Each structure stands twice: as structure tokens, then as C-alpha cells.
């Protein structure tokens, strides 16, 4: 099955990924999450998300929304 992976980075380090069947769902969450700021002692960290096409995943091993 072809899916779209929401890839989120915290200060350019991969933090999380979620799989979606629909690109519009993926883009919606990428838009809402990108730019959020997380306050930690000393600095402010920024979340950046994007969607990536994944040609095939095994739905038995990966949860797809």
C-alpha cells in the first residue's frame, strides 16, 4: 500500500513519523504542527514537519491512519 509519512523534526533531528492514506490529511497535520515552539531551559526548540510519499508499507506491521 502506498502511504504518506508525516515526518517531524525538532531542531533538524528526526523526532516522529505517522503514516496516512490520504495526502490531504498528512498536509493538514504538517501545517498545524510546523512552527510550534517548545520551551526548554536555555533555548527554544522549533518543530518542522513535512509529508513524504512512501511507495509501500506492510499494514500488518505499521498503523496507517
N, C-alpha and C. Protein backbone atom coordinates (compact mmCIF):
# COMPACT_ATOMS: atom_id res chain seq x y z
N UNK A 1 0.83 -1.17 0.00
CA UNK A 1 0.00 0.00 0.00
C UNK A 1 0.89 1.25 0.00
N UNK A 2 0.55 2.22 -0.82
CA UNK A 2 1.25 3.49 -0.87
C UNK A 2 0.67 4.42 0.19
N UNK A 3 1.55 5.06 0.97
CA UNK A 3 1.11 5.95 2.05
C UNK A 3 1.94 7.24 2.03
N UNK A 4 1.52 8.17 2.87
CA UNK A 4 2.24 9.42 3.05
C UNK A 4 2.68 9.49 4.50
N UNK A 5 3.97 9.69 4.71
CA UNK A 5 4.51 9.72 6.06
C UNK A 5 4.70 11.17 6.51
N UNK A 6 4.09 11.50 7.63
CA UNK A 6 4.29 12.80 8.25
C UNK A 6 5.59 12.70 9.04
N UNK A 7 6.59 13.43 8.60
CA UNK A 7 7.91 13.40 9.23
C UNK A 7 8.11 14.71 9.98
N UNK A 8 8.35 14.63 11.28
CA UNK A 8 8.53 15.82 12.09
C UNK A 8 9.95 15.84 12.68
N UNK A 9 10.51 17.03 12.63
CA UNK A 9 11.87 17.24 13.11
C UNK A 9 11.86 18.29 14.21
N UNK A 10 12.66 18.07 15.23
CA UNK A 10 12.84 19.02 16.31
C UNK A 10 14.27 19.51 16.22
N UNK A 11 14.44 20.78 15.81
CA UNK A 11 15.77 21.35 15.57
C UNK A 11 16.59 20.49 14.62
N UNK A 12 16.00 20.11 13.50
CA UNK A 12 16.63 19.34 12.42
C UNK A 12 17.02 17.91 12.80
N UNK A 13 16.45 17.39 13.88
CA UNK A 13 16.66 15.99 14.27
C UNK A 13 15.32 15.29 14.18
N UNK A 14 15.26 14.15 13.45
CA UNK A 14 14.01 13.41 13.28
C UNK A 14 13.44 13.04 14.63
N UNK A 15 12.16 13.41 14.84
CA UNK A 15 11.52 13.19 16.14
C UNK A 15 10.40 12.17 16.06
N UNK A 16 9.58 12.22 14.99
CA UNK A 16 8.42 11.34 14.93
C UNK A 16 7.93 11.18 13.50
N UNK A 17 7.22 10.09 13.25
CA UNK A 17 6.61 9.85 11.95
C UNK A 17 5.29 9.10 12.10
N UNK A 18 4.30 9.52 11.32
CA UNK A 18 2.99 8.88 11.32
C UNK A 18 2.59 8.66 9.87
N UNK A 19 1.93 7.55 9.58
CA UNK A 19 1.53 7.21 8.22
C UNK A 19 0.06 7.52 7.96
N UNK A 20 -0.22 8.11 6.79
CA UNK A 20 -1.59 8.44 6.39
C UNK A 20 -1.88 7.87 5.00
N UNK A 21 -3.14 7.48 4.76
CA UNK A 21 -3.57 7.02 3.44
C UNK A 21 -3.79 8.20 2.50
N UNK A 22 -4.21 9.33 3.06
CA UNK A 22 -4.60 10.50 2.27
C UNK A 22 -3.57 11.63 2.43
N UNK A 23 -3.08 12.15 1.32
CA UNK A 23 -2.09 13.22 1.35
C UNK A 23 -2.65 14.48 2.01
N UNK A 24 -3.94 14.75 1.83
CA UNK A 24 -4.54 15.94 2.43
C UNK A 24 -4.53 15.88 3.95
N UNK A 25 -4.74 14.70 4.52
CA UNK A 25 -4.66 14.53 5.97
C UNK A 25 -3.24 14.80 6.45
N UNK A 26 -2.29 14.26 5.72
CA UNK A 26 -0.88 14.44 6.08
C UNK A 26 -0.50 15.92 6.04
N UNK A 27 -0.89 16.61 4.96
CA UNK A 27 -0.58 18.03 4.82
C UNK A 27 -1.26 18.87 5.88
N UNK A 28 -2.47 18.50 6.28
CA UNK A 28 -3.19 19.22 7.32
C UNK A 28 -2.38 19.21 8.62
N UNK A 29 -1.94 18.02 9.04
CA UNK A 29 -1.18 17.91 10.29
C UNK A 29 0.20 18.55 10.17
N UNK A 30 0.82 18.44 9.01
CA UNK A 30 2.12 19.09 8.81
C UNK A 30 1.99 20.60 8.98
N UNK A 31 0.93 21.16 8.43
CA UNK A 31 0.69 22.60 8.53
C UNK A 31 0.45 23.03 9.98
N UNK A 32 -0.33 22.24 10.71
CA UNK A 32 -0.68 22.59 12.09
C UNK A 32 0.51 22.44 13.05
N UNK A 33 1.37 21.47 12.79
CA UNK A 33 2.48 21.22 13.71
C UNK A 33 3.72 22.06 13.41
N UNK A 34 3.96 22.37 12.15
CA UNK A 34 5.14 23.14 11.78
C UNK A 34 5.10 24.52 12.42
N UNK A 35 6.22 24.90 13.00
CA UNK A 35 6.33 26.22 13.59
C UNK A 35 6.04 26.27 15.08
N UNK A 36 5.51 25.18 15.63
CA UNK A 36 5.28 25.17 17.07
C UNK A 36 6.62 25.27 17.78
N UNK A 37 6.62 25.96 18.89
CA UNK A 37 7.85 26.15 19.65
C UNK A 37 7.74 25.45 21.00
N UNK A 38 8.83 24.82 21.40
CA UNK A 38 8.89 24.12 22.67
C UNK A 38 9.94 24.81 23.52
N UNK A 39 9.54 25.31 24.66
CA UNK A 39 10.47 25.99 25.56
C UNK A 39 11.17 24.98 26.46
N UNK A 40 12.46 24.94 26.36
CA UNK A 40 13.29 24.13 27.24
C UNK A 40 14.32 25.06 27.87
N UNK A 41 14.88 24.67 29.00
CA UNK A 41 15.88 25.55 29.61
C UNK A 41 16.97 25.94 28.60
N UNK A 42 17.32 27.17 28.59
CA UNK A 42 18.39 27.76 27.78
C UNK A 42 17.93 28.17 26.38
N UNK A 43 17.08 27.38 25.69
CA UNK A 43 16.73 27.74 24.32
C UNK A 43 15.29 27.35 23.98
N UNK A 44 14.85 27.81 22.84
CA UNK A 44 13.52 27.48 22.32
C UNK A 44 13.72 26.56 21.12
N UNK A 45 13.09 25.40 21.14
CA UNK A 45 13.20 24.46 20.03
C UNK A 45 11.99 24.59 19.13
N UNK A 46 12.19 24.40 17.83
CA UNK A 46 11.14 24.59 16.85
C UNK A 46 10.84 23.27 16.12
N UNK A 47 9.54 23.00 15.94
CA UNK A 47 9.07 21.80 15.26
C UNK A 47 8.88 22.09 13.77
N UNK A 48 9.36 21.21 12.90
CA UNK A 48 9.16 21.34 11.46
C UNK A 48 8.67 20.00 10.94
N UNK A 49 7.58 20.00 10.16
CA UNK A 49 7.01 18.76 9.64
C UNK A 49 6.82 18.84 8.13
N UNK A 50 6.90 17.67 7.48
CA UNK A 50 6.66 17.58 6.05
C UNK A 50 6.09 16.20 5.74
N UNK A 51 5.50 16.06 4.56
CA UNK A 51 4.94 14.78 4.13
C UNK A 51 5.84 14.16 3.06
N UNK A 52 6.03 12.86 3.17
CA UNK A 52 6.87 12.14 2.21
C UNK A 52 6.09 10.93 1.69
N UNK A 53 6.13 10.73 0.39
CA UNK A 53 5.48 9.57 -0.22
C UNK A 53 6.31 8.32 0.06
N UNK A 54 5.66 7.31 0.59
CA UNK A 54 6.31 6.03 0.84
C UNK A 54 5.64 5.01 -0.09
N UNK A 55 6.38 4.43 -1.04
CA UNK A 55 5.78 3.57 -2.06
C UNK A 55 5.06 2.34 -1.52
N UNK A 56 5.59 1.74 -0.46
CA UNK A 56 4.88 0.56 0.06
C UNK A 56 5.23 0.32 1.53
N UNK A 57 4.21 -0.02 2.29
CA UNK A 57 4.37 -0.42 3.68
C UNK A 57 3.49 -1.63 3.94
N UNK A 58 3.86 -2.40 4.92
CA UNK A 58 3.07 -3.56 5.33
C UNK A 58 2.11 -3.11 6.42
N UNK A 59 0.82 -3.07 6.10
CA UNK A 59 -0.18 -2.60 7.05
C UNK A 59 -0.28 -3.48 8.30
N UNK A 60 0.23 -4.69 8.22
CA UNK A 60 0.22 -5.57 9.39
C UNK A 60 1.27 -5.14 10.41
N UNK A 61 2.31 -4.44 9.93
CA UNK A 61 3.40 -4.01 10.82
C UNK A 61 3.32 -2.53 11.17
N UNK A 62 2.62 -1.73 10.36
CA UNK A 62 2.58 -0.27 10.55
C UNK A 62 1.14 0.20 10.64
N UNK A 63 0.83 1.02 11.61
CA UNK A 63 -0.51 1.61 11.73
C UNK A 63 -0.63 2.75 10.72
N UNK A 64 -1.66 2.67 9.85
CA UNK A 64 -1.90 3.68 8.85
C UNK A 64 -3.24 4.34 9.15
N UNK A 65 -3.24 5.66 9.26
CA UNK A 65 -4.46 6.41 9.58
C UNK A 65 -5.13 6.90 8.31
